[in-house]
């Protein structure tokens, strides 16, 4: 039975999400998620016969894009950092 009504906040204290949980957050079919995993579009580890997806990746993948103002602030911040030597 697929998960329903699940949000990313529900996974806040977890390191990994199952395919049905990921599908519920994105409101898509679990088969779509499995296909994306097999195509290498979603990182996952296989545990037995099931996949686990890093919740941190899920957060990054669903985060809203930066606005032009946020991007400019980030660029200024990074440009102001001293260069690191190798």
PDB file of N, CA and C in Angstrom:
ATOM      1  N   UNK A   1       0.846  -1.182   0.000  1.00  0.00           N
ATOM      2  CA  UNK A   1       0.000   0.000   0.000  1.00  0.00           C
ATOM      3  C   UNK A   1       0.891   1.243   0.000  1.00  0.00           C
ATOM      4  N   UNK A   2       0.721   2.145  -0.976  1.00  0.00           N
ATOM      5  CA  UNK A   2       1.573   3.324  -1.023  1.00  0.00           C
ATOM      6  C   UNK A   2       1.297   4.280   0.130  1.00  0.00           C
ATOM      7  N   UNK A   3       2.352   4.999   0.510  1.00  0.00           N
ATOM      8  CA  UNK A   3       2.229   6.014   1.543  1.00  0.00           C
ATOM      9  C   UNK A   3       1.373   7.156   0.984  1.00  0.00           C
ATOM     10  N   UNK A   4       0.565   7.793   1.823  1.00  0.00           N
ATOM     11  CA  UNK A   4      -0.214   8.937   1.360  1.00  0.00           C
ATOM     12  C   UNK A   4      -0.039  10.089   2.325  1.00  0.00           C
ATOM     13  N   UNK A   5      -0.075  11.291   1.797  1.00  0.00           N
ATOM     14  CA  UNK A   5       0.007  12.477   2.631  1.00  0.00           C
ATOM     15  C   UNK A   5       1.360  12.693   3.288  1.00  0.00           C
ATOM     16  N   UNK A   6       2.389  12.028   2.835  1.00  0.00           N
ATOM     17  CA  UNK A   6       3.718  12.150   3.422  1.00  0.00           C
ATOM     18  C   UNK A   6       4.383  13.414   2.889  1.00  0.00           C
ATOM     19  N   UNK A   7       5.084  14.117   3.770  1.00  0.00           N
ATOM     20  CA  UNK A   7       5.820  15.304   3.358  1.00  0.00           C
ATOM     21  C   UNK A   7       7.295  15.123   3.711  1.00  0.00           C
ATOM     22  N   UNK A   8       8.117  15.986   3.162  1.00  0.00           N
ATOM     23  CA  UNK A   8       9.543  15.942   3.458  1.00  0.00           C
ATOM     24  C   UNK A   8       9.795  16.171   4.950  1.00  0.00           C
ATOM     25  N   UNK A   9       8.971  16.981   5.584  1.00  0.00           N
ATOM     26  CA  UNK A   9       9.114  17.237   7.023  1.00  0.00           C
ATOM     27  C   UNK A   9       8.939  15.955   7.836  1.00  0.00           C
ATOM     28  N   UNK A  10       8.137  15.020   7.343  1.00  0.00           N
ATOM     29  CA  UNK A  10       7.943  13.741   8.037  1.00  0.00           C
ATOM     30  C   UNK A  10       9.215  12.903   8.065  1.00  0.00           C
ATOM     31  N   UNK A  11      10.134  13.189   7.144  1.00  0.00           N
ATOM     32  CA  UNK A  11      11.391  12.434   7.052  1.00  0.00           C
ATOM     33  C   UNK A  11      12.550  13.183   7.690  1.00  0.00           C
ATOM     34  N   UNK A  12      12.262  14.245   8.405  1.00  0.00           N
ATOM     35  CA  UNK A  12      13.276  15.155   8.936  1.00  0.00           C
ATOM     36  C   UNK A  12      14.403  14.470   9.704  1.00  0.00           C
ATOM     37  N   UNK A  13      14.095  13.501  10.526  1.00  0.00           N
ATOM     38  CA  UNK A  13      15.116  12.870  11.379  1.00  0.00           C
ATOM     39  C   UNK A  13      15.583  11.522  10.830  1.00  0.00           C
ATOM     40  N   UNK A  14      15.406  11.333   9.527  1.00  0.00           N
ATOM     41  CA  UNK A  14      15.798  10.075   8.908  1.00  0.00           C
ATOM     42  C   UNK A  14      16.948  10.313   7.942  1.00  0.00           C
ATOM     43  N   UNK A  15      17.789   9.316   7.761  1.00  0.00           N
ATOM     44  CA  UNK A  15      18.886   9.409   6.799  1.00  0.00           C
ATOM     45  C   UNK A  15      18.458   8.927   5.416  1.00  0.00           C
ATOM     46  N   UNK A  16      17.545   7.965   5.371  1.00  0.00           N
ATOM     47  CA  UNK A  16      17.126   7.386   4.100  1.00  0.00           C
ATOM     48  C   UNK A  16      15.613   7.281   4.029  1.00  0.00           C
ATOM     49  N   UNK A  17      15.089   7.319   2.799  1.00  0.00           N
ATOM     50  CA  UNK A  17      13.665   7.138   2.548  1.00  0.00           C
ATOM     51  C   UNK A  17      13.493   5.925   1.644  1.00  0.00           C
ATOM     52  N   UNK A  18      12.369   5.252   1.768  1.00  0.00           N
ATOM     53  CA  UNK A  18      12.061   4.128   0.891  1.00  0.00           C
ATOM     54  C   UNK A  18      11.491   4.667  -0.418  1.00  0.00           C
ATOM     55  N   UNK A  19      11.401   3.809  -1.406  1.00  0.00           N
ATOM     56  CA  UNK A  19      10.821   4.211  -2.688  1.00  0.00           C
ATOM     57  C   UNK A  19       9.373   4.688  -2.512  1.00  0.00           C
ATOM     58  N   UNK A  20       8.517   3.969  -1.777  1.00  0.00           N
ATOM     59  CA  UNK A  20       7.148   4.462  -1.596  1.00  0.00           C
ATOM     60  C   UNK A  20       7.092   5.819  -0.865  1.00  0.00           C
ATOM     61  N   UNK A  21       7.987   6.027   0.095  1.00  0.00           N
ATOM     62  CA  UNK A  21       8.013   7.311   0.806  1.00  0.00           C
ATOM     63  C   UNK A  21       8.426   8.434  -0.138  1.00  0.00           C
ATOM     64  N   UNK A  22       9.461   8.193  -0.930  1.00  0.00           N
ATOM     65  CA  UNK A  22       9.933   9.187  -1.887  1.00  0.00           C
ATOM     66  C   UNK A  22       8.825   9.511  -2.886  1.00  0.00           C
ATOM     67  N   UNK A  23       8.155   8.475  -3.384  1.00  0.00           N
ATOM     68  CA  UNK A  23       7.066   8.663  -4.337  1.00  0.00           C
ATOM     69  C   UNK A  23       5.922   9.466  -3.718  1.00  0.00           C
ATOM     70  N   UNK A  24       5.633   9.222  -2.447  1.00  0.00           N
ATOM     71  CA  UNK A  24       4.559   9.952  -1.773  1.00  0.00           C
ATOM     72  C   UNK A  24       4.903  11.435  -1.646  1.00  0.00           C
ATOM     73  N   UNK A  25       6.155  11.733  -1.307  1.00  0.00           N
ATOM     74  CA  UNK A  25       6.573  13.134  -1.173  1.00  0.00           C
ATOM     75  C   UNK A  25       6.444  13.842  -2.526  1.00  0.00           C
ATOM     76  N   UNK A  26       6.849  13.158  -3.590  1.00  0.00           N
ATOM     77  CA  UNK A  26       6.799  13.752  -4.925  1.00  0.00           C
ATOM     78  C   UNK A  26       5.446  13.587  -5.609  1.00  0.00           C
ATOM     79  N   UNK A  27       4.567  12.822  -4.976  1.00  0.00           N
ATOM     80  CA  UNK A  27       3.243  12.537  -5.523  1.00  0.00           C
ATOM     81  C   UNK A  27       3.336  11.912  -6.915  1.00  0.00           C
ATOM     82  N   UNK A  28       4.123  10.859  -6.981  1.00  0.00           N
ATOM     83  CA  UNK A  28       4.262  10.112  -8.232  1.00  0.00           C
ATOM     84  C   UNK A  28       4.193   8.623  -7.921  1.00  0.00           C
ATOM     85  N   UNK A  29       4.195   7.825  -8.953  1.00  0.00           N
ATOM     86  CA  UNK A  29       4.103   6.379  -8.799  1.00  0.00           C
ATOM     87  C   UNK A  29       5.465   5.811  -8.391  1.00  0.00           C
ATOM     88  N   UNK A  30       5.503   4.875  -7.453  1.00  0.00           N
ATOM     89  CA  UNK A  30       6.776   4.253  -7.069  1.00  0.00           C
ATOM     90  C   UNK A  30       7.532   3.634  -8.247  1.00  0.00           C
ATOM     91  N   UNK A  31       6.810   3.169  -9.267  1.00  0.00           N
ATOM     92  CA  UNK A  31       7.484   2.603 -10.444  1.00  0.00           C
ATOM     93  C   UNK A  31       8.310   3.667 -11.162  1.00  0.00           C
ATOM     94  N   UNK A  32       7.835   4.903 -11.135  1.00  0.00           N
ATOM     95  CA  UNK A  32       8.572   6.009 -11.745  1.00  0.00           C
ATOM     96  C   UNK A  32       9.882   6.232 -10.998  1.00  0.00           C
ATOM     97  N   UNK A  33       9.812   6.166  -9.674  1.00  0.00           N
ATOM     98  CA  UNK A  33      11.009   6.352  -8.844  1.00  0.00           C
ATOM     99  C   UNK A  33      11.998   5.217  -9.109  1.00  0.00           C
ATOM    100  N   UNK A  34      11.521   3.981  -9.135  1.00  0.00           N
ATOM    101  CA  UNK A  34      12.418   2.849  -9.402  1.00  0.00           C
ATOM    102  C   UNK A  34      13.083   2.971 -10.773  1.00  0.00           C
ATOM    103  N   UNK A  35      12.326   3.405 -11.765  1.00  0.00           N
ATOM    104  CA  UNK A  35      12.892   3.585 -13.114  1.00  0.00           C
ATOM    105  C   UNK A  35      13.987   4.647 -13.098  1.00  0.00           C
ATOM    106  N   UNK A  36      13.748   5.745 -12.365  1.00  0.00           N
ATOM    107  CA  UNK A  36      14.742   6.817 -12.278  1.00  0.00           C
ATOM    108  C   UNK A  36      15.997   6.335 -11.543  1.00  0.00           C
ATOM    109  N   UNK A  37      15.815   5.494 -10.541  1.00  0.00           N
ATOM    110  CA  UNK A  37      16.968   4.925  -9.819  1.00  0.00           C
ATOM    111  C   UNK A  37      17.779   4.057 -10.775  1.00  0.00           C
ATOM    112  N   UNK A  38      17.106   3.190 -11.501  1.00  0.00           N
ATOM    113  CA  UNK A  38      17.798   2.283 -12.428  1.00  0.00           C
ATOM    114  C   UNK A  38      18.487   3.046 -13.558  1.00  0.00           C
ATOM    115  N   UNK A  39      17.938   4.214 -13.919  1.00  0.00           N
ATOM    116  CA  UNK A  39      18.537   5.036 -14.976  1.00  0.00           C
ATOM    117  C   UNK A  39      19.669   5.912 -14.434  1.00  0.00           C
ATOM    118  N   UNK A  40      19.879   5.881 -13.106  1.00  0.00           N
ATOM    119  CA  UNK A  40      20.944   6.672 -12.503  1.00  0.00           C
ATOM    120  C   UNK A  40      20.563   8.117 -12.243  1.00  0.00           C
ATOM    121  N   UNK A  41      19.287   8.445 -12.351  1.00  0.00           N
ATOM    122  CA  UNK A  41      18.818   9.816 -12.137  1.00  0.00           C
ATOM    123  C   UNK A  41      18.601  10.138 -10.660  1.00  0.00           C
ATOM    124  N   UNK A  42      18.400   9.109  -9.859  1.00  0.00           N
ATOM    125  CA  UNK A  42      18.214   9.261  -8.414  1.00  0.00           C
ATOM    126  C   UNK A  42      19.229   8.351  -7.736  1.00  0.00           C
ATOM    127  N   UNK A  43      20.059   8.906  -6.832  1.00  0.00           N
ATOM    128  CA  UNK A  43      21.016   8.049  -6.132  1.00  0.00           C
ATOM    129  C   UNK A  43      20.292   7.189  -5.099  1.00  0.00           C
ATOM    130  N   UNK A  44      20.699   5.951  -5.008  1.00  0.00           N
ATOM    131  CA  UNK A  44      20.067   5.050  -4.044  1.00  0.00           C
ATOM    132  C   UNK A  44      21.017   3.901  -3.740  1.00  0.00           C
ATOM    133  N   UNK A  45      20.787   3.295  -2.588  1.00  0.00           N
ATOM    134  CA  UNK A  45      21.515   2.080  -2.231  1.00  0.00           C
ATOM    135  C   UNK A  45      20.493   0.957  -2.144  1.00  0.00           C
ATOM    136  N   UNK A  46      20.907  -0.216  -2.543  1.00  0.00           N
ATOM    137  CA  UNK A  46      20.010  -1.357  -2.495  1.00  0.00           C
ATOM    138  C   UNK A  46      20.260  -2.108  -1.197  1.00  0.00           C
ATOM    139  N   UNK A  47      19.195  -2.316  -0.446  1.00  0.00           N
ATOM    140  CA  UNK A  47      19.254  -3.066   0.810  1.00  0.00           C
ATOM    141  C   UNK A  47      18.359  -4.282   0.612  1.00  0.00           C
ATOM    142  N   UNK A  48      18.993  -5.423   0.436  1.00  0.00           N
ATOM    143  CA  UNK A  48      18.218  -6.621   0.122  1.00  0.00           C
ATOM    144  C   UNK A  48      17.589  -6.462  -1.246  1.00  0.00           C
ATOM    145  N   UNK A  49      16.273  -6.462  -1.286  1.00  0.00           N
ATOM    146  CA  UNK A  49      15.565  -6.299  -2.556  1.00  0.00           C
ATOM    147  C   UNK A  49      14.976  -4.903  -2.724  1.00  0.00           C
ATOM    148  N   UNK A  50      15.213  -4.018  -1.752  1.00  0.00           N
ATOM    149  CA  UNK A  50      14.620  -2.680  -1.792  1.00  0.00           C
ATOM    150  C   UNK A  50      15.683  -1.601  -1.884  1.00  0.00           C
ATOM    151  N   UNK A  51      15.276  -0.459  -2.422  1.00  0.00           N
ATOM    152  CA  UNK A  51      16.173   0.690  -2.526  1.00  0.00           C
ATOM    153  C   UNK A  51      15.921   1.669  -1.384  1.00  0.00           C
ATOM    154  N   UNK A  52      16.990   2.369  -0.991  1.00  0.00           N
ATOM    155  CA  UNK A  52      16.904   3.458  -0.020  1.00  0.00           C
ATOM    156  C   UNK A  52      17.534   4.696  -0.661  1.00  0.00           C
ATOM    157  N   UNK A  53      16.851   5.822  -0.521  1.00  0.00           N
ATOM    158  CA  UNK A  53      17.289   7.074  -1.123  1.00  0.00           C
ATOM    159  C   UNK A  53      17.693   8.031  -0.006  1.00  0.00           C
ATOM    160  N   UNK A  54      18.877   8.649  -0.114  1.00  0.00           N
ATOM    161  CA  UNK A  54      19.295   9.590   0.929  1.00  0.00           C
ATOM    162  C   UNK A  54      18.305  10.758   1.050  1.00  0.00           C
ATOM    163  N   UNK A  55      17.825  11.008   2.248  1.00  0.00           N
ATOM    164  CA  UNK A  55      16.869  12.092   2.474  1.00  0.00           C
ATOM    165  C   UNK A  55      17.525  13.438   2.158  1.00  0.00           C
ATOM    166  N   UNK A  56      18.810  13.573   2.425  1.00  0.00           N
ATOM    167  CA  UNK A  56      19.509  14.828   2.120  1.00  0.00           C
ATOM    168  C   UNK A  56      19.446  15.117   0.620  1.00  0.00           C
ATOM    169  N   UNK A  57      19.579  14.096  -0.201  1.00  0.00           N
ATOM    170  CA  UNK A  57      19.467  14.284  -1.645  1.00  0.00           C
ATOM    171  C   UNK A  57      18.048  14.700  -2.011  1.00  0.00           C
ATOM    172  N   UNK A  58      17.071  14.090  -1.364  1.00  0.00           N
ATOM    173  CA  UNK A  58      15.671  14.427  -1.599  1.00  0.00           C
ATOM    174  C   UNK A  58      15.419  15.900  -1.257  1.00  0.00           C
ATOM    175  N   UNK A  59      15.983  16.359  -0.138  1.00  0.00           N
ATOM    176  CA  UNK A  59      15.844  17.776   0.228  1.00  0.00           C
ATOM    177  C   UNK A  59      16.430  18.684  -0.847  1.00  0.00           C
ATOM    178  N   UNK A  60      17.630  18.347  -1.294  1.00  0.00           N
ATOM    179  CA  UNK A  60      18.295  19.164  -2.314  1.00  0.00           C
ATOM    180  C   UNK A  60      17.523  19.136  -3.631  1.00  0.00           C
ATOM    181  N   UNK A  61      17.006  17.980  -3.989  1.00  0.00           N
ATOM    182  CA  UNK A  61      16.296  17.840  -5.256  1.00  0.00           C
ATOM    183  C   UNK A  61      14.967  18.580  -5.271  1.00  0.00           C
ATOM    184  N   UNK A  62      14.364  18.763  -4.111  1.00  0.00           N
ATOM    185  CA  UNK A  62      13.054  19.417  -4.045  1.00  0.00           C
ATOM    186  C   UNK A  62      13.132  20.854  -3.556  1.00  0.00           C
ATOM    187  N   UNK A  63      14.345  21.333  -3.280  1.00  0.00           N
ATOM    188  CA  UNK A  63      14.502  22.712  -2.805  1.00  0.00           C
ATOM    189  C   UNK A  63      14.170  23.686  -3.931  1.00  0.00           C
ATOM    190  N   UNK A  64      13.550  24.800  -3.578  1.00  0.00           N
ATOM    191  CA  UNK A  64      13.261  25.786  -4.618  1.00  0.00           C
ATOM    192  C   UNK A  64      14.559  26.388  -5.143  1.00  0.00           C
ATOM    193  N   UNK A  65      14.587  26.770  -6.415  1.00  0.00           N
ATOM    194  CA  UNK A  65      15.805  27.357  -6.969  1.00  0.00           C
ATOM    195  C   UNK A  65      16.087  28.712  -6.326  1.00  0.00           C
ATOM    196  N   UNK A  66      17.352  29.096  -6.340  1.00  0.00           N
ATOM    197  CA  UNK A  66      17.737  30.390  -5.793  1.00  0.00           C
ATOM    198  C   UNK A  66      17.191  31.510  -6.665  1.00  0.00           C
ATOM    199  N   UNK A  67      16.790  32.590  -6.013  1.00  0.00           N
ATOM    200  CA  UNK A  67      16.400  33.772  -6.767  1.00  0.00           C
ATOM    201  C   UNK A  67      17.669  34.462  -7.249  1.00  0.00           C
ATOM    202  N   UNK A  68      17.535  35.398  -8.157  1.00  0.00           N
ATOM    203  CA  UNK A  68      18.695  36.135  -8.662  1.00  0.00           C
ATOM    204  C   UNK A  68      19.390  36.867  -7.517  1.00  0.00           C
ATOM    205  N   UNK A  69      18.611  37.405  -6.589  1.00  0.00           N
ATOM    206  CA  UNK A  69      19.187  38.121  -5.438  1.00  0.00           C
ATOM    207  C   UNK A  69      19.967  37.164  -4.541  1.00  0.00           C
ATOM    208  N   UNK A  70      19.411  35.986  -4.259  1.00  0.00           N
ATOM    209  CA  UNK A  70      20.107  35.002  -3.434  1.00  0.00           C
ATOM    210  C   UNK A  70      21.385  34.526  -4.117  1.00  0.00           C
ATOM    211  N   UNK A  71      21.316  34.310  -5.433  1.00  0.00           N
ATOM    212  CA  UNK A  71      22.488  33.874  -6.185  1.00  0.00           C
ATOM    213  C   UNK A  71      23.591  34.932  -6.126  1.00  0.00           C
ATOM    214  N   UNK A  72      23.210  36.224  -6.250  1.00  0.00           N
ATOM    215  CA  UNK A  72      24.181  37.315  -6.195  1.00  0.00           C
ATOM    216  C   UNK A  72      24.831  37.393  -4.813  1.00  0.00           C
ATOM    217  N   UNK A  73      24.038  37.236  -3.756  1.00  0.00           N
ATOM    218  CA  UNK A  73      24.582  37.250  -2.394  1.00  0.00           C
ATOM    219  C   UNK A  73      25.553  36.101  -2.182  1.00  0.00           C
ATOM    220  N   UNK A  74      25.190  34.931  -2.658  1.00  0.00           N
ATOM    221  CA  UNK A  74      26.055  33.767  -2.519  1.00  0.00           C
ATOM    222  C   UNK A  74      27.357  33.968  -3.284  1.00  0.00           C
ATOM    223  N   UNK A  75      27.260  34.509  -4.475  1.00  0.00           N
ATOM    224  CA  UNK A  75      28.455  34.776  -5.285  1.00  0.00           C
ATOM    225  C   UNK A  75      29.372  35.757  -4.573  1.00  0.00           C
ATOM    226  N   UNK A  76      28.794  36.828  -4.017  1.00  0.00           N
ATOM    227  CA  UNK A  76      29.607  37.821  -3.279  1.00  0.00           C
ATOM    228  C   UNK A  76      30.275  37.172  -2.072  1.00  0.00           C
ATOM    229  N   UNK A  77      29.536  36.349  -1.368  1.00  0.00           N
ATOM    230  CA  UNK A  77      30.090  35.677  -0.193  1.00  0.00           C
ATOM    231  C   UNK A  77      31.250  34.769  -0.589  1.00  0.00           C
ATOM    232  N   UNK A  78      31.048  33.966  -1.627  1.00  0.00           N
ATOM    233  CA  UNK A  78      32.098  33.056  -2.063  1.00  0.00           C
ATOM    234  C   UNK A  78      33.309  33.813  -2.610  1.00  0.00           C
ATOM    235  N   UNK A  79      33.074  34.914  -3.310  1.00  0.00           N
ATOM    236  CA  UNK A  79      34.176  35.714  -3.852  1.00  0.00           C
ATOM    237  C   UNK A  79      34.980  36.395  -2.758  1.00  0.00           C
ATOM    238  N   UNK A  80      34.350  36.646  -1.619  1.00  0.00           N
ATOM    239  CA  UNK A  80      35.042  37.334  -0.520  1.00  0.00           C
ATOM    240  C   UNK A  80      35.893  36.381   0.333  1.00  0.00           C
ATOM    241  N   UNK A  81      35.745  35.083   0.112  1.00  0.00           N
ATOM    242  CA  UNK A  81      36.506  34.097   0.867  1.00  0.00           C
ATOM    243  C   UNK A  81      37.936  34.036   0.357  1.00  0.00           C
ATOM    244  N   UNK A  82      38.926  33.913   1.263  1.00  0.00           N
ATOM    245  CA  UNK A  82      40.310  33.793   0.797  1.00  0.00           C
ATOM    246  C   UNK A  82      40.505  32.510  -0.007  1.00  0.00           C
ATOM    247  N   UNK A  83      41.381  32.580  -0.989  1.00  0.00           N
ATOM    248  CA  UNK A  83      41.670  31.415  -1.821  1.00  0.00           C
ATOM    249  C   UNK A  83      42.313  30.335  -0.970  1.00  0.00           C
ATOM    250  N   UNK A  84      41.920  29.083  -1.235  1.00  0.00           N
ATOM    251  CA  UNK A  84      42.502  27.949  -0.492  1.00  0.00           C
ATOM    252  C   UNK A  84      43.609  27.341  -1.321  1.00  0.00           C
ATOM    253  N   UNK A  85      44.711  27.055  -0.651  1.00  0.00           N
ATOM    254  CA  UNK A  85      45.827  26.403  -1.363  1.00  0.00           C
ATOM    255  C   UNK A  85      45.675  24.891  -1.256  1.00  0.00           C
ATOM    256  N   UNK A  86      46.167  24.237  -2.292  1.00  0.00           N
ATOM    257  CA  UNK A  86      46.032  22.770  -2.341  1.00  0.00           C
ATOM    258  C   UNK A  86      47.087  22.086  -1.531  1.00  0.00           C
TER     259      UNK A  86
END
